Amino acid sequence: MIEQTPEAIFIGATFKKEISMRSTVALIVIVVVTGAAVLACSGFSARNRGSNVETKSSTTPSSTGLSQNNSATDEKLAERLRSMIEAAGGDVGLTVIHVESGRTVSIHGDIQLPLYSVFKLPLAVAVLKDVEEKRLQLDHKVVTSPTEIVPGSQENTDLWRKPIERTVAELLELSISRSDNTSADKLLKLVGGPEAVTNRMRSLGFPNFMIHSSVSEYVKDRSKVNTGTASELGRLLVELQQGHVLQKPQLSVLLGFMERATTGNHRLRGLLPAGTLVADKTGTGEAGVATNDVGLITLPNGGGHLAIAVLIKASKLAPTEQEKLIAELARVSYEAHLSTGESATQ
């Protein structure tokens, strides 16, 4: 897979087929970060002060395909998700957005939390915007030597044992699909460093991404933590899906790599029905200090998508249990949206 030509990576029939599939389905976005819960749609708004849950429910007529019972359904979903998160301890953030209708559930969505490898999502956006603007080319070749290896999984480290030339497209795929740190740091240099990514995201309307360091810099100085919020990750996913951030060719590249990610099989994907299409990017802190996942989940039968970003910090749960929590939050949200009559034609 690594040695494929750039054309095979980002222009192939597979991507065309994937984009065709995505264009027929609506979308929901979920992001997780610990704290107060917020539900948002257009129209009616209510707050449960005792449980710190706010709900906003659509006033759209039922002819649009949106259930009249969404307000009650959303309040129940928010309460259930909040109780699951509180049991985990630590800081957890959650935002769930149905892309087409704007219905949202957010629990501590505005708290800045460590991204870890989730930072590779805004990095990928910065790279692909440079491609759109002709500053970079996906087939541009970059030489990497063993002296540039960045600590990570043994499987990824083994990719760089000898000097090797890889394209920008290949580096991007490795950084997203396999969460390879060496690839990410090479890409970060190409776009101008951490500050350039922060500034790019601000220019796109996302001011809460704070990218302070490359992976190698963070290893040397743990105070340089890259942070973001669940609500902004959710909004980024929505705007990506709606075509407001990247043009179609670049969006196809990014979502294709996210769909083929191999690092989150026990997180968002963990408890969903077999065959469910998921496009995600994970992040993991050392010694179980953080477990994150951000992604888009396709609902069946034209019912839309969920986009989920989960940021868990300092939970009392073991790392495997944190992954299970992410999987359960995704499953509960997925099932709740199956029962509300969401439509891809709203």
Foldseek 3Di string as FASTA:
>chain_A
DLPDALCCQQVDPVLVVVVVVLVLFAFKAKAKKAAAKEKDFPADWDADVVRNYIHHDDPDDCVQQFFPCVRVLLVVLLVVLNVLRVVFDAIKWMWMARLPGGTIMIGQQADKFFAALVVLVLLLLLLQVCCVVVVFPQRDKDKDALVLAFDDDPVLNVVHPGIDIGGLLSLSLCCFQVVGQSSSVVSCVSSPHQVSSCVVCVVLPFNFFRRQHRRNVCVVPVVRTTIGGRVSLRVVVSCLSVCSRHHDSSSSSQQVSQQNHDPQCLAQVNPDDPPWGKGKGWRADPQRQWTWMWIWTTAPDSQHIYTYIMIGGRTPDGNSVVRNSRNVSNVSVNVSSVPRRHHNSD
